[in-house]
């Protein structure tokens, strides 16, 4: 079993918000729910000019247990700490899921405990 020492706050997306002045339905997100994960790391991208040089971008990669359900429009609060009564002690920055979830539990060399990964971008404004 792979340990899950970190917690993120998962906010599920819904388009059932109230209409704005123009009648467009606004996006809304549920309150964060604690989800235990294996790790959260900075996301790296290759520097286009020089080979083998990386640049840290304003984003994260989350490594989560198999079966973790996260949608492409959902948001994540990181860091996220609750006490044993469920009271939120720390709610950090908000990030939006960037792209589909990568499921590493299936394929030609599947591993049922491999888990999933997903990328996050910081929410601005």
N, C-alpha and C. Protein backbone atom coordinates (compact mmCIF):
# COMPACT_ATOMS: atom_id res chain seq x y z
N UNK A 1 0.84 -1.19 0.00
CA UNK A 1 0.00 0.00 0.00
C UNK A 1 0.89 1.25 0.00
N UNK A 2 0.60 2.17 -0.86
CA UNK A 2 1.37 3.41 -0.95
C UNK A 2 0.76 4.42 0.03
N UNK A 3 1.57 5.05 0.89
CA UNK A 3 1.02 5.99 1.88
C UNK A 3 0.40 7.23 1.23
N UNK A 4 -0.56 7.82 1.92
CA UNK A 4 -1.22 9.05 1.47
C UNK A 4 -1.11 10.10 2.58
N UNK A 5 0.09 10.69 2.75
CA UNK A 5 0.30 11.61 3.87
C UNK A 5 -0.21 13.03 3.65
N UNK A 6 -0.63 13.37 2.44
CA UNK A 6 -1.06 14.74 2.12
C UNK A 6 -2.55 14.78 1.84
N UNK A 7 -3.12 15.95 2.01
CA UNK A 7 -4.56 16.13 1.77
C UNK A 7 -4.77 17.35 0.88
N UNK A 8 -5.62 17.18 -0.12
CA UNK A 8 -6.06 18.31 -0.95
C UNK A 8 -7.53 18.55 -0.67
N UNK A 9 -8.01 19.74 -0.96
CA UNK A 9 -9.43 20.05 -0.89
C UNK A 9 -10.01 20.00 -2.29
N UNK A 10 -10.86 19.04 -2.57
CA UNK A 10 -11.43 18.85 -3.91
C UNK A 10 -12.77 19.58 -3.99
N UNK A 11 -12.90 20.50 -4.96
CA UNK A 11 -14.14 21.25 -5.19
C UNK A 11 -14.73 20.82 -6.53
N UNK A 12 -15.87 20.15 -6.48
CA UNK A 12 -16.52 19.64 -7.70
C UNK A 12 -17.21 20.79 -8.43
N UNK A 13 -17.05 20.83 -9.75
CA UNK A 13 -17.63 21.87 -10.62
C UNK A 13 -19.09 21.56 -10.92
N UNK A 14 -19.85 22.63 -11.05
CA UNK A 14 -21.24 22.52 -11.46
C UNK A 14 -21.60 23.74 -12.29
N UNK A 15 -22.39 23.56 -13.32
CA UNK A 15 -22.84 24.71 -14.10
C UNK A 15 -24.23 25.13 -13.66
N UNK A 16 -24.61 24.74 -12.47
CA UNK A 16 -25.97 25.05 -11.99
C UNK A 16 -26.03 26.33 -11.17
N UNK A 17 -25.05 27.20 -11.37
CA UNK A 17 -25.05 28.47 -10.65
C UNK A 17 -26.16 29.38 -11.14
N UNK A 18 -26.28 30.51 -10.50
CA UNK A 18 -27.31 31.48 -10.86
C UNK A 18 -26.95 32.17 -12.19
N UNK A 19 -27.96 32.50 -13.01
CA UNK A 19 -27.69 33.22 -14.27
C UNK A 19 -27.18 34.63 -13.99
N UNK A 20 -26.28 35.11 -14.85
CA UNK A 20 -25.80 36.48 -14.71
C UNK A 20 -26.79 37.44 -15.37
N UNK A 21 -26.42 38.70 -15.48
CA UNK A 21 -27.30 39.73 -16.03
C UNK A 21 -27.69 39.46 -17.48
N UNK A 22 -26.91 38.66 -18.19
CA UNK A 22 -27.18 38.35 -19.59
C UNK A 22 -27.86 37.00 -19.78
N UNK A 23 -28.20 36.33 -18.69
CA UNK A 23 -28.88 35.04 -18.76
C UNK A 23 -27.96 33.84 -18.88
N UNK A 24 -26.65 34.08 -18.85
CA UNK A 24 -25.69 32.98 -18.92
C UNK A 24 -25.53 32.34 -17.55
N UNK A 25 -25.58 31.02 -17.52
CA UNK A 25 -25.40 30.32 -16.24
C UNK A 25 -23.94 30.39 -15.84
N UNK A 26 -23.69 30.85 -14.62
CA UNK A 26 -22.32 30.97 -14.13
C UNK A 26 -21.85 29.65 -13.55
N UNK A 27 -20.55 29.40 -13.67
CA UNK A 27 -19.96 28.21 -13.07
C UNK A 27 -19.98 28.35 -11.55
N UNK A 28 -20.07 27.20 -10.88
CA UNK A 28 -19.97 27.20 -9.43
C UNK A 28 -19.27 25.92 -9.00
N UNK A 29 -18.70 25.96 -7.81
CA UNK A 29 -17.97 24.82 -7.28
C UNK A 29 -18.45 24.54 -5.86
N UNK A 30 -18.53 23.27 -5.52
CA UNK A 30 -18.95 22.87 -4.18
C UNK A 30 -17.85 23.23 -3.18
N UNK A 31 -18.21 23.21 -1.90
CA UNK A 31 -17.21 23.41 -0.85
C UNK A 31 -16.18 22.30 -0.93
N UNK A 32 -14.93 22.59 -0.52
CA UNK A 32 -13.89 21.56 -0.63
C UNK A 32 -14.13 20.37 0.29
N UNK A 33 -13.84 19.19 -0.26
CA UNK A 33 -13.91 17.94 0.48
C UNK A 33 -12.50 17.37 0.54
N UNK A 34 -12.07 16.94 1.71
CA UNK A 34 -10.72 16.42 1.89
C UNK A 34 -10.52 15.13 1.11
N UNK A 35 -9.41 15.05 0.35
CA UNK A 35 -9.04 13.86 -0.39
C UNK A 35 -7.56 13.58 -0.08
N UNK A 36 -7.27 12.37 0.43
CA UNK A 36 -5.89 11.99 0.73
C UNK A 36 -5.16 11.63 -0.55
N UNK A 37 -3.92 12.15 -0.70
CA UNK A 37 -3.12 11.89 -1.90
C UNK A 37 -1.70 11.46 -1.51
N UNK A 38 -1.00 10.87 -2.48
CA UNK A 38 0.37 10.42 -2.25
C UNK A 38 1.35 11.59 -2.21
N UNK A 39 1.22 12.52 -3.15
CA UNK A 39 2.18 13.62 -3.24
C UNK A 39 1.62 14.74 -4.11
N UNK A 40 2.17 15.93 -3.92
CA UNK A 40 1.89 17.09 -4.77
C UNK A 40 3.25 17.69 -5.09
N UNK A 41 3.52 17.92 -6.38
CA UNK A 41 4.83 18.43 -6.77
C UNK A 41 4.69 19.56 -7.78
N UNK A 42 5.73 20.42 -7.90
CA UNK A 42 5.72 21.43 -8.96
C UNK A 42 5.73 20.74 -10.31
N UNK A 43 5.03 21.33 -11.26
CA UNK A 43 5.01 20.77 -12.62
C UNK A 43 6.13 21.42 -13.41
N UNK A 44 6.88 20.61 -14.13
CA UNK A 44 8.02 21.09 -14.91
C UNK A 44 7.70 21.06 -16.39
N UNK A 45 8.30 21.99 -17.13
CA UNK A 45 8.18 21.96 -18.58
C UNK A 45 9.55 22.17 -19.18
N UNK A 46 9.78 21.61 -20.35
CA UNK A 46 11.08 21.76 -21.01
C UNK A 46 11.27 23.18 -21.50
N UNK A 47 12.47 23.69 -21.28
CA UNK A 47 12.85 25.00 -21.80
C UNK A 47 13.06 24.84 -23.30
N UNK A 48 12.36 25.60 -24.14
CA UNK A 48 12.43 25.37 -25.59
C UNK A 48 13.78 25.69 -26.22
N UNK A 49 14.60 26.52 -25.59
CA UNK A 49 15.85 26.95 -26.20
C UNK A 49 17.01 26.00 -25.91
N UNK A 50 17.09 25.50 -24.68
CA UNK A 50 18.22 24.67 -24.29
C UNK A 50 17.75 23.29 -23.87
N UNK A 51 18.38 22.25 -24.41
CA UNK A 51 18.03 20.88 -24.05
C UNK A 51 18.43 20.61 -22.60
N UNK A 52 17.72 19.71 -21.96
CA UNK A 52 17.97 19.28 -20.58
C UNK A 52 17.89 20.42 -19.57
N UNK A 53 17.17 21.46 -19.88
CA UNK A 53 16.95 22.55 -18.93
C UNK A 53 15.47 22.61 -18.65
N UNK A 54 15.11 22.66 -17.38
CA UNK A 54 13.71 22.69 -16.99
C UNK A 54 13.36 24.03 -16.36
N UNK A 55 12.11 24.40 -16.50
CA UNK A 55 11.59 25.63 -15.93
C UNK A 55 10.38 25.25 -15.09
N UNK A 56 10.34 25.68 -13.85
CA UNK A 56 9.18 25.42 -13.02
C UNK A 56 8.08 26.39 -13.44
N UNK A 57 6.93 25.86 -13.77
CA UNK A 57 5.80 26.70 -14.16
C UNK A 57 4.85 26.85 -12.99
N UNK A 58 3.91 27.74 -13.10
CA UNK A 58 2.97 27.96 -12.02
C UNK A 58 1.87 26.92 -12.10
N UNK A 59 2.22 25.73 -11.71
CA UNK A 59 1.28 24.62 -11.72
C UNK A 59 1.82 23.49 -10.88
N UNK A 60 0.97 22.52 -10.62
CA UNK A 60 1.32 21.38 -9.79
C UNK A 60 0.88 20.09 -10.46
N UNK A 61 1.48 18.99 -10.04
CA UNK A 61 1.01 17.66 -10.41
C UNK A 61 0.64 16.95 -9.12
N UNK A 62 -0.54 16.31 -9.11
CA UNK A 62 -1.01 15.57 -7.95
C UNK A 62 -0.93 14.08 -8.26
N UNK A 63 -0.39 13.31 -7.32
CA UNK A 63 -0.30 11.86 -7.41
C UNK A 63 -1.29 11.29 -6.40
N UNK A 64 -2.34 10.64 -6.88
CA UNK A 64 -3.44 10.20 -6.01
C UNK A 64 -3.67 8.70 -6.13
N UNK A 65 -4.33 8.13 -5.12
CA UNK A 65 -4.61 6.68 -5.15
C UNK A 65 -5.54 6.30 -6.30
N UNK A 66 -5.47 5.03 -6.68
CA UNK A 66 -6.38 4.49 -7.69
C UNK A 66 -7.82 4.74 -7.26
N UNK A 67 -8.65 5.09 -8.21
CA UNK A 67 -10.06 5.33 -7.93
C UNK A 67 -10.41 6.76 -7.56
N UNK A 68 -9.41 7.64 -7.42
CA UNK A 68 -9.69 9.04 -7.12
C UNK A 68 -10.42 9.66 -8.30
N UNK A 69 -11.57 10.26 -8.05
CA UNK A 69 -12.41 10.84 -9.11
C UNK A 69 -12.27 12.35 -9.12
N UNK A 70 -11.67 12.89 -10.17
CA UNK A 70 -11.50 14.33 -10.35
C UNK A 70 -11.86 14.66 -11.78
N UNK A 71 -12.68 15.70 -11.97
CA UNK A 71 -13.10 16.10 -13.30
C UNK A 71 -12.26 17.24 -13.85
N UNK A 72 -12.29 17.42 -15.17
CA UNK A 72 -11.49 18.44 -15.84
C UNK A 72 -11.83 19.87 -15.44
N UNK A 73 -13.03 20.13 -14.95
CA UNK A 73 -13.41 21.49 -14.57
C UNK A 73 -13.37 21.70 -13.06
N UNK A 74 -13.00 20.66 -12.32
CA UNK A 74 -12.96 20.75 -10.87
C UNK A 74 -11.82 21.65 -10.42
N UNK A 75 -11.87 22.02 -9.15
CA UNK A 75 -10.80 22.81 -8.55
C UNK A 75 -10.24 22.10 -7.34
N UNK A 76 -9.01 22.47 -6.99
CA UNK A 76 -8.32 21.86 -5.86
C UNK A 76 -7.74 22.97 -4.99
N UNK A 77 -7.89 22.82 -3.69
CA UNK A 77 -7.28 23.74 -2.73
C UNK A 77 -6.04 23.05 -2.17
N UNK A 78 -4.90 23.74 -2.27
CA UNK A 78 -3.64 23.17 -1.78
C UNK A 78 -2.80 24.27 -1.14
N UNK A 79 -2.25 24.10 0.04
CA UNK A 79 -2.47 22.97 0.94
C UNK A 79 -3.85 23.05 1.58
N UNK A 80 -4.29 21.93 2.14
CA UNK A 80 -5.62 21.84 2.76
C UNK A 80 -5.50 20.97 4.00
N UNK A 81 -5.81 21.53 5.18
CA UNK A 81 -5.66 20.81 6.44
C UNK A 81 -6.95 20.95 7.24
N UNK A 82 -7.46 19.80 7.70
CA UNK A 82 -8.63 19.78 8.58
C UNK A 82 -8.25 19.09 9.89
N UNK A 83 -8.95 19.46 10.98
CA UNK A 83 -8.73 18.72 12.22
C UNK A 83 -9.66 17.51 12.26
N UNK A 84 -9.63 16.76 13.36
CA UNK A 84 -10.42 15.52 13.41
C UNK A 84 -11.92 15.76 13.51
N UNK A 85 -12.35 17.03 13.69
CA UNK A 85 -13.79 17.33 13.68
C UNK A 85 -14.26 17.79 12.31
N UNK A 86 -13.32 17.95 11.37
CA UNK A 86 -13.68 18.42 10.03
C UNK A 86 -13.54 19.91 9.83
N UNK A 87 -13.14 20.63 10.89
CA UNK A 87 -12.94 22.08 10.76
C UNK A 87 -11.69 22.34 9.93
N UNK A 88 -11.78 23.29 9.00
CA UNK A 88 -10.64 23.61 8.13
C UNK A 88 -9.66 24.49 8.90
N UNK A 89 -8.43 24.00 9.03
CA UNK A 89 -7.38 24.75 9.72
C UNK A 89 -6.53 25.55 8.75
N UNK A 90 -6.39 25.06 7.53
CA UNK A 90 -5.59 25.74 6.52
C UNK A 90 -6.18 25.49 5.15
N UNK A 91 -6.50 26.56 4.43
CA UNK A 91 -6.97 26.46 3.05
C UNK A 91 -6.07 27.36 2.22
N UNK A 92 -5.20 26.76 1.43
CA UNK A 92 -4.21 27.50 0.67
C UNK A 92 -4.76 28.05 -0.63
N UNK A 93 -3.95 28.02 -1.66
CA UNK A 93 -4.31 28.56 -2.97
C UNK A 93 -5.27 27.62 -3.70
N UNK A 94 -6.02 28.20 -4.62
CA UNK A 94 -6.95 27.41 -5.41
C UNK A 94 -6.37 27.18 -6.80
N UNK A 95 -6.50 25.93 -7.26
CA UNK A 95 -5.99 25.52 -8.56
C UNK A 95 -7.11 24.86 -9.35
N UNK A 96 -7.03 24.94 -10.68
CA UNK A 96 -8.00 24.30 -11.55
C UNK A 96 -7.35 23.09 -12.22
N UNK A 97 -8.10 22.00 -12.33
CA UNK A 97 -7.59 20.80 -13.00
C UNK A 97 -7.35 21.14 -14.47
N UNK A 98 -6.15 20.82 -14.96
CA UNK A 98 -5.73 21.15 -16.32
C UNK A 98 -5.63 19.88 -17.13
N UNK A 99 -6.68 19.55 -17.86
CA UNK A 99 -6.67 18.37 -18.72
C UNK A 99 -7.22 17.14 -18.03
N UNK A 100 -7.21 16.02 -18.74
CA UNK A 100 -7.78 14.78 -18.20
C UNK A 100 -6.88 14.14 -17.14
N UNK A 101 -7.49 13.29 -16.34
CA UNK A 101 -6.76 12.53 -15.32
C UNK A 101 -6.06 11.37 -16.00
N UNK A 102 -4.78 11.15 -15.67
CA UNK A 102 -4.02 10.02 -16.22
C UNK A 102 -4.16 8.85 -15.25
N UNK A 103 -4.78 7.77 -15.72
CA UNK A 103 -5.01 6.58 -14.89
C UNK A 103 -3.92 5.56 -15.20
N UNK A 104 -3.05 5.29 -14.22
CA UNK A 104 -1.92 4.40 -14.39
C UNK A 104 -2.23 2.97 -13.94
N UNK A 105 -3.50 2.68 -13.68
CA UNK A 105 -3.87 1.35 -13.18
C UNK A 105 -4.19 0.34 -14.28
N UNK A 106 -4.23 0.79 -15.52
CA UNK A 106 -4.56 -0.13 -16.61
C UNK A 106 -3.57 0.05 -17.74
N UNK A 107 -3.55 -0.89 -18.64
CA UNK A 107 -2.63 -0.84 -19.77
C UNK A 107 -1.88 -2.15 -19.89
N UNK A 108 -0.91 -2.21 -20.79
CA UNK A 108 -0.20 -3.47 -21.01
C UNK A 108 0.60 -3.93 -19.80
N UNK A 109 1.07 -3.00 -18.97
CA UNK A 109 1.82 -3.35 -17.76
C UNK A 109 1.09 -2.76 -16.55
N UNK A 110 -0.17 -3.12 -16.43
CA UNK A 110 -1.02 -2.49 -15.41
C UNK A 110 -0.58 -2.85 -14.00
N UNK A 111 -0.86 -1.93 -13.11
CA UNK A 111 -0.59 -2.11 -11.69
C UNK A 111 -1.81 -1.53 -10.97
N UNK A 112 -2.62 -2.35 -10.32
CA UNK A 112 -3.87 -1.87 -9.73
C UNK A 112 -3.70 -0.84 -8.63
N UNK A 113 -2.50 -0.72 -8.07
CA UNK A 113 -2.30 0.30 -7.02
C UNK A 113 -1.49 1.49 -7.53
N UNK A 114 -1.23 1.54 -8.83
CA UNK A 114 -0.40 2.62 -9.38
C UNK A 114 -1.01 3.99 -9.17
N UNK A 115 -2.32 4.10 -9.21
CA UNK A 115 -2.97 5.38 -8.96
C UNK A 115 -3.18 6.23 -10.19
N UNK A 116 -3.49 7.51 -9.93
CA UNK A 116 -3.76 8.47 -10.99
C UNK A 116 -2.93 9.73 -10.76
N UNK A 117 -2.73 10.48 -11.83
CA UNK A 117 -2.08 11.79 -11.73
C UNK A 117 -2.94 12.80 -12.48
N UNK A 118 -2.88 14.04 -12.01
CA UNK A 118 -3.54 15.12 -12.73
C UNK A 118 -2.81 16.42 -12.47
N UNK A 119 -2.86 17.31 -13.48
CA UNK A 119 -2.16 18.58 -13.41
C UNK A 119 -3.09 19.69 -12.96
N UNK A 120 -2.50 20.70 -12.34
CA UNK A 120 -3.26 21.84 -11.83
C UNK A 120 -2.61 23.14 -12.29
N UNK A 121 -3.45 24.14 -12.57
CA UNK A 121 -3.00 25.51 -12.83
C UNK A 121 -3.59 26.41 -11.77
N UNK A 122 -2.83 27.41 -11.34
CA UNK A 122 -3.32 28.35 -10.32
C UNK A 122 -4.49 29.15 -10.87
N UNK A 123 -5.53 29.32 -10.06
CA UNK A 123 -6.68 30.14 -10.44
C UNK A 123 -6.34 31.59 -10.17
N UNK A 124 -6.47 32.42 -11.17
CA UNK A 124 -6.17 33.85 -11.04
C UNK A 124 -7.46 34.64 -11.04
N UNK A 125 -7.55 35.61 -10.15
CA UNK A 125 -8.71 36.52 -10.12
C UNK A 125 -9.89 36.02 -9.40
